[in-house]
Amino acid sequence: MFTGIVRERGRVASFDGGRLVVAATIHAVAGDSVAVAGVCLTVVERGDGTLAFDVSPETLARSTLGALGAGDEVNLEPALRAGEPLGGHIVQGHVDGVGTLRGPAGDLTWFDVPAAILRYCVEKGSITVDGTSLTVAALDDDGFAVALIPQTLAVTTLGALAPGDAVNLEVDVLAKYVERLTMDR
């Protein structure tokens, strides 16, 4: 489990489509879970300043990880440990889909998302964008908006996004449970 509070930006050292190696300073060892751009991956090897992950075809099909190349930055968060504060919201690292940055409009930043994601978005609800816990500030027929503060822009990859860039999205798991529990009633 994660919180969506990004701990650092890592830099892709290499990616051959199956093995992703990221330069990082966070402490993690083989077997640990780390959210990479919002995707829960298992550390398979720790090198000198790097973490290596095996990425499955399923993960590549459901996320933006397949487009990564050497030098790209990614948001990193180690798994939450018992007793640590829950600063964001409950994040599983199970990407629900991919959206795109529409762009800024006033004080808000808009993302276009598939209808299958938008159905779970509510104003003042939680959403994870590339592993970053955010609050939905507004909705329209094509997506949602968030208010990005300077701190978030500085410590995550969100500040480097350009309109049309793809992002990993994870909706609040509570919404999915509510839907499941109320189905066929």
N, C-alpha and C. Protein backbone atom coordinates (compact mmCIF):
# COMPACT_ATOMS: atom_id res chain seq x y z
N MET A 1 0.84 -1.17 0.00
CA MET A 1 0.00 0.00 0.00
C MET A 1 0.89 1.24 0.00
N PHE A 2 0.38 2.27 -0.64
CA PHE A 2 1.10 3.54 -0.74
C PHE A 2 0.17 4.67 -0.31
N THR A 3 0.71 5.89 -0.28
CA THR A 3 -0.09 7.04 0.12
C THR A 3 -0.24 8.07 -0.99
N GLY A 4 0.54 7.94 -2.04
CA GLY A 4 0.52 8.95 -3.09
C GLY A 4 1.36 10.17 -2.76
N ILE A 5 2.16 10.07 -1.71
CA ILE A 5 3.10 11.14 -1.37
C ILE A 5 4.45 10.73 -1.95
N VAL A 6 4.81 11.33 -3.06
CA VAL A 6 6.04 10.98 -3.78
C VAL A 6 7.25 11.32 -2.91
N ARG A 7 8.17 10.38 -2.78
CA ARG A 7 9.36 10.57 -1.95
C ARG A 7 10.54 11.13 -2.73
N GLU A 8 10.60 10.79 -4.01
CA GLU A 8 11.67 11.35 -4.85
C GLU A 8 11.37 11.10 -6.32
N ARG A 9 12.08 11.84 -7.15
CA ARG A 9 12.04 11.58 -8.59
C ARG A 9 13.28 10.75 -8.91
N GLY A 10 13.04 9.59 -9.50
CA GLY A 10 14.14 8.77 -9.98
C GLY A 10 14.34 9.01 -11.46
N ARG A 11 15.45 8.53 -11.97
CA ARG A 11 15.75 8.69 -13.39
C ARG A 11 15.99 7.30 -13.98
N VAL A 12 15.31 7.02 -15.10
CA VAL A 12 15.47 5.73 -15.76
C VAL A 12 16.90 5.59 -16.25
N ALA A 13 17.58 4.55 -15.77
CA ALA A 13 18.94 4.27 -16.22
C ALA A 13 18.90 3.42 -17.49
N SER A 14 17.96 2.47 -17.51
CA SER A 14 17.77 1.64 -18.70
C SER A 14 16.43 0.95 -18.63
N PHE A 15 15.91 0.60 -19.80
CA PHE A 15 14.67 -0.15 -19.87
C PHE A 15 14.65 -0.89 -21.19
N ASP A 16 14.62 -2.22 -21.12
CA ASP A 16 14.65 -3.04 -22.33
C ASP A 16 13.28 -3.63 -22.66
N GLY A 17 12.24 -3.10 -22.02
CA GLY A 17 10.90 -3.61 -22.24
C GLY A 17 10.48 -4.66 -21.23
N GLY A 18 11.44 -5.20 -20.49
CA GLY A 18 11.13 -6.18 -19.45
C GLY A 18 11.77 -5.84 -18.13
N ARG A 19 13.00 -5.36 -18.18
CA ARG A 19 13.73 -4.98 -16.97
C ARG A 19 13.91 -3.47 -16.96
N LEU A 20 13.35 -2.84 -15.93
CA LEU A 20 13.44 -1.40 -15.74
C LEU A 20 14.44 -1.13 -14.63
N VAL A 21 15.44 -0.30 -14.92
CA VAL A 21 16.45 0.07 -13.92
C VAL A 21 16.34 1.57 -13.71
N VAL A 22 16.17 1.95 -12.44
CA VAL A 22 15.96 3.35 -12.08
C VAL A 22 17.03 3.79 -11.10
N ALA A 23 17.68 4.92 -11.39
CA ALA A 23 18.61 5.53 -10.44
C ALA A 23 17.78 6.18 -9.35
N ALA A 24 18.05 5.79 -8.09
CA ALA A 24 17.24 6.27 -6.97
C ALA A 24 18.05 6.23 -5.69
N THR A 25 17.66 7.08 -4.74
CA THR A 25 18.33 7.08 -3.44
C THR A 25 17.46 6.48 -2.35
N ILE A 26 16.17 6.21 -2.63
CA ILE A 26 15.31 5.64 -1.59
C ILE A 26 15.83 4.27 -1.19
N HIS A 27 15.64 3.93 0.08
CA HIS A 27 16.09 2.64 0.57
C HIS A 27 15.06 1.57 0.22
N ALA A 28 15.48 0.59 -0.53
CA ALA A 28 14.64 -0.56 -0.86
C ALA A 28 15.57 -1.72 -1.19
N VAL A 29 15.12 -2.91 -0.89
CA VAL A 29 15.89 -4.11 -1.18
C VAL A 29 15.04 -5.06 -2.00
N ALA A 30 15.66 -6.10 -2.53
CA ALA A 30 14.94 -7.10 -3.33
C ALA A 30 13.73 -7.61 -2.54
N GLY A 31 12.58 -7.61 -3.21
CA GLY A 31 11.35 -8.05 -2.58
C GLY A 31 10.46 -6.91 -2.11
N ASP A 32 11.03 -5.71 -1.96
CA ASP A 32 10.23 -4.55 -1.54
C ASP A 32 9.37 -4.05 -2.69
N SER A 33 8.24 -3.46 -2.34
CA SER A 33 7.37 -2.81 -3.32
C SER A 33 7.71 -1.33 -3.38
N VAL A 34 7.76 -0.81 -4.59
CA VAL A 34 7.99 0.61 -4.83
C VAL A 34 7.01 1.04 -5.92
N ALA A 35 6.34 2.17 -5.70
CA ALA A 35 5.48 2.73 -6.74
C ALA A 35 6.36 3.54 -7.68
N VAL A 36 6.35 3.16 -8.95
CA VAL A 36 7.13 3.84 -9.99
C VAL A 36 6.12 4.47 -10.94
N ALA A 37 6.04 5.79 -10.94
CA ALA A 37 5.03 6.52 -11.72
C ALA A 37 3.63 6.01 -11.39
N GLY A 38 3.45 5.63 -10.13
CA GLY A 38 2.15 5.16 -9.67
C GLY A 38 1.89 3.69 -9.85
N VAL A 39 2.84 2.95 -10.40
CA VAL A 39 2.68 1.52 -10.64
C VAL A 39 3.46 0.74 -9.59
N CYS A 40 2.77 -0.13 -8.86
CA CYS A 40 3.43 -0.96 -7.85
C CYS A 40 4.31 -2.00 -8.54
N LEU A 41 5.62 -1.90 -8.29
CA LEU A 41 6.57 -2.86 -8.84
C LEU A 41 7.40 -3.45 -7.70
N THR A 42 7.92 -4.65 -7.92
CA THR A 42 8.75 -5.32 -6.93
C THR A 42 10.21 -5.16 -7.30
N VAL A 43 11.01 -4.73 -6.33
CA VAL A 43 12.45 -4.62 -6.53
C VAL A 43 13.00 -6.03 -6.71
N VAL A 44 13.72 -6.26 -7.81
CA VAL A 44 14.34 -7.56 -8.03
C VAL A 44 15.85 -7.51 -7.82
N GLU A 45 16.39 -6.31 -7.82
CA GLU A 45 17.83 -6.17 -7.61
C GLU A 45 18.14 -4.73 -7.21
N ARG A 46 19.03 -4.60 -6.25
CA ARG A 46 19.52 -3.28 -5.86
C ARG A 46 20.97 -3.19 -6.27
N GLY A 47 21.28 -2.13 -7.05
CA GLY A 47 22.65 -1.91 -7.48
C GLY A 47 23.23 -0.71 -6.76
N ASP A 48 24.33 -0.22 -7.23
CA ASP A 48 24.97 0.97 -6.66
C ASP A 48 24.17 2.20 -7.10
N GLY A 49 23.20 2.60 -6.27
CA GLY A 49 22.38 3.76 -6.59
C GLY A 49 21.26 3.48 -7.57
N THR A 50 20.95 2.20 -7.80
CA THR A 50 19.85 1.86 -8.71
C THR A 50 18.95 0.79 -8.10
N LEU A 51 17.73 0.76 -8.61
CA LEU A 51 16.77 -0.29 -8.28
C LEU A 51 16.31 -0.89 -9.60
N ALA A 52 16.23 -2.22 -9.66
CA ALA A 52 15.79 -2.90 -10.87
C ALA A 52 14.45 -3.58 -10.61
N PHE A 53 13.58 -3.53 -11.62
CA PHE A 53 12.24 -4.09 -11.55
C PHE A 53 11.98 -4.88 -12.82
N ASP A 54 11.29 -6.02 -12.70
CA ASP A 54 10.80 -6.73 -13.88
C ASP A 54 9.38 -6.24 -14.13
N VAL A 55 9.08 -5.86 -15.37
CA VAL A 55 7.79 -5.30 -15.73
C VAL A 55 7.08 -6.28 -16.67
N SER A 56 5.88 -6.69 -16.27
CA SER A 56 5.13 -7.69 -17.05
C SER A 56 4.44 -7.06 -18.25
N PRO A 57 4.12 -7.87 -19.25
CA PRO A 57 3.35 -7.36 -20.40
C PRO A 57 2.01 -6.75 -19.97
N GLU A 58 1.36 -7.32 -18.95
CA GLU A 58 0.10 -6.78 -18.43
C GLU A 58 0.29 -5.36 -17.93
N THR A 59 1.36 -5.12 -17.19
CA THR A 59 1.65 -3.78 -16.67
C THR A 59 1.94 -2.82 -17.81
N LEU A 60 2.68 -3.26 -18.80
CA LEU A 60 2.99 -2.40 -19.94
C LEU A 60 1.72 -2.03 -20.71
N ALA A 61 0.77 -2.97 -20.80
CA ALA A 61 -0.47 -2.71 -21.54
C ALA A 61 -1.40 -1.74 -20.82
N ARG A 62 -1.31 -1.66 -19.50
CA ARG A 62 -2.25 -0.86 -18.71
C ARG A 62 -1.67 0.45 -18.19
N SER A 63 -0.42 0.73 -18.50
CA SER A 63 0.23 1.92 -17.94
C SER A 63 1.08 2.61 -19.00
N THR A 64 1.73 3.67 -18.58
CA THR A 64 2.63 4.42 -19.47
C THR A 64 4.06 3.92 -19.40
N LEU A 65 4.34 2.90 -18.60
CA LEU A 65 5.72 2.48 -18.40
C LEU A 65 6.42 2.06 -19.69
N GLY A 66 5.70 1.50 -20.64
CA GLY A 66 6.30 1.04 -21.89
C GLY A 66 6.92 2.16 -22.71
N ALA A 67 6.52 3.38 -22.47
CA ALA A 67 7.06 4.52 -23.21
C ALA A 67 8.31 5.11 -22.57
N LEU A 68 8.74 4.56 -21.43
CA LEU A 68 9.91 5.11 -20.73
C LEU A 68 11.20 4.78 -21.47
N GLY A 69 12.11 5.73 -21.39
CA GLY A 69 13.44 5.53 -21.96
C GLY A 69 14.50 6.08 -21.02
N ALA A 70 15.74 5.77 -21.29
CA ALA A 70 16.85 6.23 -20.46
C ALA A 70 16.79 7.74 -20.32
N GLY A 71 16.93 8.21 -19.09
CA GLY A 71 16.93 9.63 -18.80
C GLY A 71 15.60 10.17 -18.35
N ASP A 72 14.51 9.45 -18.61
CA ASP A 72 13.18 9.91 -18.19
C ASP A 72 13.09 9.89 -16.66
N GLU A 73 12.38 10.88 -16.13
CA GLU A 73 12.16 10.92 -14.68
C GLU A 73 10.85 10.24 -14.34
N VAL A 74 10.82 9.59 -13.16
CA VAL A 74 9.62 8.92 -12.66
C VAL A 74 9.45 9.23 -11.19
N ASN A 75 8.20 9.35 -10.76
CA ASN A 75 7.89 9.52 -9.35
C ASN A 75 8.11 8.19 -8.64
N LEU A 76 8.71 8.26 -7.45
CA LEU A 76 8.97 7.05 -6.66
C LEU A 76 8.41 7.20 -5.26
N GLU A 77 7.81 6.11 -4.77
CA GLU A 77 7.36 6.05 -3.39
C GLU A 77 7.52 4.63 -2.87
N PRO A 78 8.28 4.46 -1.77
CA PRO A 78 8.35 3.12 -1.18
C PRO A 78 7.02 2.78 -0.52
N ALA A 79 6.76 1.50 -0.34
CA ALA A 79 5.52 1.06 0.29
C ALA A 79 5.43 1.61 1.71
N LEU A 80 4.21 1.88 2.13
CA LEU A 80 3.94 2.37 3.47
C LEU A 80 4.24 1.27 4.48
N ARG A 81 4.93 1.63 5.53
CA ARG A 81 5.25 0.68 6.59
C ARG A 81 4.31 0.93 7.77
N ALA A 82 4.00 -0.12 8.51
CA ALA A 82 3.12 0.01 9.67
C ALA A 82 3.65 1.10 10.60
N GLY A 83 2.75 1.96 11.05
CA GLY A 83 3.11 3.03 11.97
C GLY A 83 3.48 4.34 11.30
N GLU A 84 3.68 4.33 9.98
CA GLU A 84 4.00 5.58 9.28
C GLU A 84 2.71 6.35 9.03
N PRO A 85 2.81 7.68 8.96
CA PRO A 85 1.60 8.47 8.71
C PRO A 85 1.04 8.27 7.31
N LEU A 86 -0.27 8.29 7.21
CA LEU A 86 -0.96 8.20 5.92
C LEU A 86 -1.23 9.63 5.47
N GLY A 87 -0.28 10.19 4.70
CA GLY A 87 -0.36 11.60 4.35
C GLY A 87 -1.23 11.91 3.16
N GLY A 88 -1.44 10.98 2.28
CA GLY A 88 -2.25 11.23 1.08
C GLY A 88 -3.57 10.51 1.22
N HIS A 89 -3.74 9.43 0.45
CA HIS A 89 -4.90 8.57 0.58
C HIS A 89 -4.46 7.14 0.29
N ILE A 90 -5.34 6.19 0.46
CA ILE A 90 -4.98 4.79 0.22
C ILE A 90 -4.78 4.58 -1.28
N VAL A 91 -3.55 4.20 -1.62
CA VAL A 91 -3.16 3.98 -3.01
C VAL A 91 -2.60 2.56 -3.11
N GLN A 92 -3.06 1.81 -4.09
CA GLN A 92 -2.59 0.44 -4.25
C GLN A 92 -1.45 0.29 -5.25
N GLY A 93 -1.32 1.25 -6.14
CA GLY A 93 -0.33 1.10 -7.20
C GLY A 93 -0.85 0.24 -8.33
N HIS A 94 -2.16 0.05 -8.39
CA HIS A 94 -2.81 -0.72 -9.45
C HIS A 94 -3.46 0.27 -10.41
N VAL A 95 -2.78 0.57 -11.47
CA VAL A 95 -3.23 1.60 -12.41
C VAL A 95 -4.54 1.16 -13.05
N ASP A 96 -5.52 2.08 -13.02
CA ASP A 96 -6.83 1.81 -13.62
C ASP A 96 -6.88 2.18 -15.08
N GLY A 97 -6.02 3.08 -15.51
CA GLY A 97 -6.02 3.50 -16.90
C GLY A 97 -5.06 4.65 -17.12
N VAL A 98 -5.04 5.10 -18.36
CA VAL A 98 -4.14 6.18 -18.76
C VAL A 98 -4.98 7.36 -19.22
N GLY A 99 -4.58 8.54 -18.78
CA GLY A 99 -5.22 9.78 -19.22
C GLY A 99 -4.18 10.68 -19.85
N THR A 100 -4.61 11.86 -20.28
CA THR A 100 -3.67 12.81 -20.87
C THR A 100 -3.88 14.19 -20.26
N LEU A 101 -2.80 14.92 -20.17
CA LEU A 101 -2.87 16.29 -19.68
C LEU A 101 -3.54 17.15 -20.74
N ARG A 102 -4.66 17.76 -20.37
CA ARG A 102 -5.33 18.71 -21.26
C ARG A 102 -4.60 20.05 -21.18
N GLY A 103 -4.29 20.45 -19.94
CA GLY A 103 -3.56 21.69 -19.74
C GLY A 103 -4.16 22.55 -18.66
N PRO A 104 -3.51 23.68 -18.38
CA PRO A 104 -4.01 24.57 -17.33
C PRO A 104 -5.18 25.42 -17.83
N ALA A 105 -6.03 25.77 -16.89
CA ALA A 105 -7.13 26.70 -17.14
C ALA A 105 -7.34 27.46 -15.84
N GLY A 106 -6.84 28.68 -15.79
CA GLY A 106 -6.89 29.44 -14.54
C GLY A 106 -5.99 28.79 -13.51
N ASP A 107 -6.53 28.57 -12.33
CA ASP A 107 -5.75 27.97 -11.24
C ASP A 107 -5.78 26.44 -11.25
N LEU A 108 -6.47 25.86 -12.21
CA LEU A 108 -6.62 24.41 -12.24
C LEU A 108 -5.87 23.79 -13.42
N THR A 109 -5.53 22.51 -13.27
CA THR A 109 -4.91 21.74 -14.33
C THR A 109 -5.86 20.60 -14.67
N TRP A 110 -6.18 20.47 -15.97
CA TRP A 110 -7.17 19.50 -16.43
C TRP A 110 -6.52 18.28 -17.07
N PHE A 111 -7.12 17.13 -16.82
CA PHE A 111 -6.72 15.87 -17.43
C PHE A 111 -7.92 15.27 -18.13
N ASP A 112 -7.73 14.79 -19.35
CA ASP A 112 -8.77 14.04 -20.06
C ASP A 112 -8.59 12.58 -19.73
N VAL A 113 -9.71 11.91 -19.43
CA VAL A 113 -9.63 10.52 -18.98
C VAL A 113 -10.73 9.69 -19.63
N PRO A 114 -10.52 8.38 -19.75
CA PRO A 114 -11.57 7.51 -20.28
C PRO A 114 -12.81 7.53 -19.38
N ALA A 115 -13.97 7.30 -19.97
CA ALA A 115 -15.22 7.28 -19.21
C ALA A 115 -15.18 6.26 -18.08
N ALA A 116 -14.47 5.15 -18.29
CA ALA A 116 -14.36 4.12 -17.25
C ALA A 116 -13.65 4.63 -16.00
N ILE A 117 -12.84 5.65 -16.13
CA ILE A 117 -12.16 6.27 -14.98
C ILE A 117 -13.02 7.40 -14.44
N LEU A 118 -13.54 8.21 -15.33
CA LEU A 118 -14.31 9.40 -14.93
C LEU A 118 -15.50 9.05 -14.04
N ARG A 119 -16.08 7.89 -14.26
CA ARG A 119 -17.25 7.49 -13.46
C ARG A 119 -16.94 7.40 -11.96
N TYR A 120 -15.67 7.22 -11.60
CA TYR A 120 -15.28 7.10 -10.20
C TYR A 120 -14.79 8.44 -9.60
N CYS A 121 -14.76 9.47 -10.40
CA CYS A 121 -14.25 10.77 -9.94
C CYS A 121 -15.38 11.61 -9.38
N VAL A 122 -15.16 12.20 -8.23
CA VAL A 122 -16.11 13.11 -7.61
C VAL A 122 -15.35 14.33 -7.11
N GLU A 123 -16.02 15.48 -7.11
CA GLU A 123 -15.38 16.67 -6.57
C GLU A 123 -15.02 16.43 -5.11
N LYS A 124 -13.82 16.85 -4.75
CA LYS A 124 -13.23 16.70 -3.42
C LYS A 124 -12.86 15.26 -3.11
N GLY A 125 -12.94 14.38 -4.12
CA GLY A 125 -12.50 13.00 -3.96
C GLY A 125 -11.03 12.88 -4.33
N SER A 126 -10.46 11.72 -4.05
CA SER A 126 -9.05 11.48 -4.32
C SER A 126 -8.83 10.83 -5.67
N ILE A 127 -7.71 11.17 -6.30
CA ILE A 127 -7.26 10.56 -7.55
C ILE A 127 -5.73 10.50 -7.49
N THR A 128 -5.16 9.49 -8.10
CA THR A 128 -3.70 9.39 -8.16
C THR A 128 -3.28 9.58 -9.61
N VAL A 129 -2.38 10.55 -9.83
CA VAL A 129 -1.85 10.85 -11.16
C VAL A 129 -0.35 10.60 -11.12
N ASP A 130 0.12 9.61 -11.89
CA ASP A 130 1.53 9.23 -11.88
C ASP A 130 2.07 9.03 -10.47
N GLY A 131 1.22 8.45 -9.61
CA GLY A 131 1.64 8.14 -8.25
C GLY A 131 1.48 9.26 -7.26
N THR A 132 0.92 10.39 -7.68
CA THR A 132 0.77 11.55 -6.81
C THR A 132 -0.68 11.66 -6.35
N SER A 133 -0.89 11.68 -5.05
CA SER A 133 -2.22 11.82 -4.48
C SER A 133 -2.71 13.25 -4.68
N LEU A 134 -3.86 13.38 -5.34
CA LEU A 134 -4.43 14.70 -5.62
C LEU A 134 -5.91 14.70 -5.29
N THR A 135 -6.46 15.91 -5.15
CA THR A 135 -7.89 16.09 -4.89
C THR A 135 -8.56 16.63 -6.14
N VAL A 136 -9.64 15.99 -6.54
CA VAL A 136 -10.41 16.45 -7.70
C VAL A 136 -11.09 17.77 -7.34
N ALA A 137 -10.80 18.80 -8.12
CA ALA A 137 -11.36 20.12 -7.86
C ALA A 137 -12.57 20.42 -8.73
N ALA A 138 -12.64 19.82 -9.90
CA ALA A 138 -13.74 20.06 -10.83
C ALA A 138 -13.83 18.91 -11.82
N LEU A 139 -15.00 18.78 -12.42
CA LEU A 139 -15.25 17.73 -13.41
C LEU A 139 -15.97 18.32 -14.61
N ASP A 140 -15.75 17.72 -15.78
CA ASP A 140 -16.56 18.00 -16.95
C ASP A 140 -16.79 16.68 -17.68
N ASP A 141 -17.36 16.71 -18.85
CA ASP A 141 -17.70 15.48 -19.55
C ASP A 141 -16.49 14.67 -20.01
N ASP A 142 -15.31 15.30 -20.08
CA ASP A 142 -14.13 14.63 -20.61
C ASP A 142 -13.05 14.34 -19.58
N GLY A 143 -13.16 14.93 -18.38
CA GLY A 143 -12.10 14.71 -17.42
C GLY A 143 -12.30 15.43 -16.12
N PHE A 144 -11.19 15.61 -15.43
CA PHE A 144 -11.20 16.24 -14.12
C PHE A 144 -10.08 17.26 -14.03
N ALA A 145 -10.21 18.14 -13.03
CA ALA A 145 -9.19 19.15 -12.78
C ALA A 145 -8.70 19.03 -11.35
N VAL A 146 -7.43 19.40 -11.17
CA VAL A 146 -6.82 19.44 -9.85
C VAL A 146 -6.11 20.78 -9.69
N ALA A 147 -5.88 21.16 -8.45
CA ALA A 147 -5.08 22.35 -8.17
C ALA A 147 -3.69 21.87 -7.77
N LEU A 148 -2.69 22.21 -8.57
CA LEU A 148 -1.32 21.78 -8.30
C LEU A 148 -0.57 22.91 -7.62
N ILE A 149 -0.12 22.65 -6.39
CA ILE A 149 0.61 23.66 -5.64
C ILE A 149 2.09 23.62 -6.03
N PRO A 150 2.83 24.70 -5.80
CA PRO A 150 4.25 24.73 -6.17
C PRO A 150 5.06 23.57 -5.59
N GLN A 151 4.77 23.15 -4.37
CA GLN A 151 5.50 22.02 -3.77
C GLN A 151 5.32 20.75 -4.59
N THR A 152 4.11 20.47 -5.00
CA THR A 152 3.84 19.27 -5.82
C THR A 152 4.56 19.37 -7.16
N LEU A 153 4.51 20.53 -7.77
CA LEU A 153 5.18 20.71 -9.06
C LEU A 153 6.70 20.56 -8.93
N ALA A 154 7.25 20.94 -7.78
CA ALA A 154 8.70 20.89 -7.58
C ALA A 154 9.22 19.48 -7.28
N VAL A 155 8.45 18.69 -6.53
CA VAL A 155 8.97 17.40 -6.08
C VAL A 155 8.48 16.20 -6.89
N THR A 156 7.57 16.43 -7.84
CA THR A 156 7.08 15.34 -8.68
C THR A 156 7.37 15.63 -10.15
N THR A 157 7.05 14.69 -10.98
CA THR A 157 7.23 14.87 -12.43
C THR A 157 6.09 15.68 -13.05
N LEU A 158 5.07 15.99 -12.29
CA LEU A 158 3.91 16.69 -12.85
C LEU A 158 4.25 18.07 -13.39
N GLY A 159 5.26 18.72 -12.82
CA GLY A 159 5.65 20.04 -13.28
C GLY A 159 6.28 20.05 -14.66
N ALA A 160 6.72 18.89 -15.14
CA ALA A 160 7.37 18.81 -16.45
C ALA A 160 6.41 18.34 -17.54
N LEU A 161 5.16 18.08 -17.20
CA LEU A 161 4.20 17.60 -18.20
C LEU A 161 3.82 18.70 -19.18
N ALA A 162 3.57 18.29 -20.41
CA ALA A 162 3.09 19.19 -21.46
C ALA A 162 1.73 18.67 -21.93
N PRO A 163 0.87 19.56 -22.43
CA PRO A 163 -0.42 19.10 -22.94
C PRO A 163 -0.25 17.92 -23.91
N GLY A 164 -1.10 16.92 -23.71
CA GLY A 164 -1.04 15.70 -24.52
C GLY A 164 -0.21 14.59 -23.91
N ASP A 165 0.60 14.90 -22.88
CA ASP A 165 1.39 13.86 -22.23
C ASP A 165 0.49 12.88 -21.50
N ALA A 166 0.84 11.60 -21.58
CA ALA A 166 0.07 10.53 -20.94
C ALA A 166 0.49 10.37 -19.48
N VAL A 167 -0.49 10.04 -18.64
CA VAL A 167 -0.26 9.83 -17.21
C VAL A 167 -1.00 8.58 -16.74
N ASN A 168 -0.44 7.93 -15.74
CA ASN A 168 -1.09 6.80 -15.10
C ASN A 168 -2.11 7.31 -14.10
N LEU A 169 -3.28 6.67 -14.07
CA LEU A 169 -4.35 7.07 -13.18
C LEU A 169 -4.81 5.90 -12.33
N GLU A 170 -5.02 6.18 -11.05
CA GLU A 170 -5.63 5.20 -10.15
C GLU A 170 -6.73 5.92 -9.39
N VAL A 171 -7.95 5.42 -9.52
CA VAL A 171 -9.07 6.02 -8.79
C VAL A 171 -9.06 5.54 -7.35
N ASP A 172 -9.82 6.21 -6.52
CA ASP A 172 -9.93 5.85 -5.12
C ASP A 172 -10.56 4.45 -5.02
N VAL A 173 -9.86 3.53 -4.40
CA VAL A 173 -10.33 2.15 -4.30
C VAL A 173 -11.67 2.06 -3.58
N LEU A 174 -11.96 2.99 -2.68
CA LEU A 174 -13.24 2.95 -1.96
C LEU A 174 -14.41 3.07 -2.92
N ALA A 175 -14.27 3.88 -3.96
CA ALA A 175 -15.35 4.02 -4.95
C ALA A 175 -15.61 2.70 -5.66
N LYS A 176 -14.55 1.96 -5.96
CA LYS A 176 -14.72 0.68 -6.63
C LYS A 176 -15.40 -0.35 -5.72
N TYR A 177 -15.06 -0.31 -4.43
CA TYR A 177 -15.72 -1.22 -3.48
C TYR A 177 -17.20 -0.88 -3.32
N VAL A 178 -17.52 0.41 -3.23
CA VAL A 178 -18.92 0.81 -3.11
C VAL A 178 -19.71 0.33 -4.32
N GLU A 179 -19.15 0.51 -5.50
CA GLU A 179 -19.83 0.06 -6.72
C GLU A 179 -20.07 -1.45 -6.66
N ARG A 180 -19.06 -2.19 -6.31
CA ARG A 180 -19.17 -3.65 -6.27
C ARG A 180 -20.22 -4.11 -5.25
N LEU A 181 -20.23 -3.46 -4.09
CA LEU A 181 -21.16 -3.85 -3.04
C LEU A 181 -22.61 -3.50 -3.36
N THR A 182 -22.81 -2.51 -4.22
CA THR A 182 -24.17 -2.10 -4.56
C THR A 182 -24.67 -2.68 -5.88
N MET A 183 -23.84 -3.46 -6.56
CA MET A 183 -24.25 -4.07 -7.83
C MET A 183 -25.36 -5.09 -7.60
N ASP A 184 -26.25 -5.17 -8.56
CA ASP A 184 -27.30 -6.20 -8.56
C ASP A 184 -28.15 -6.20 -7.29
N ARG A 185 -28.43 -5.03 -6.78
CA ARG A 185 -29.29 -4.95 -5.58
C ARG A 185 -30.63 -4.45 -5.95
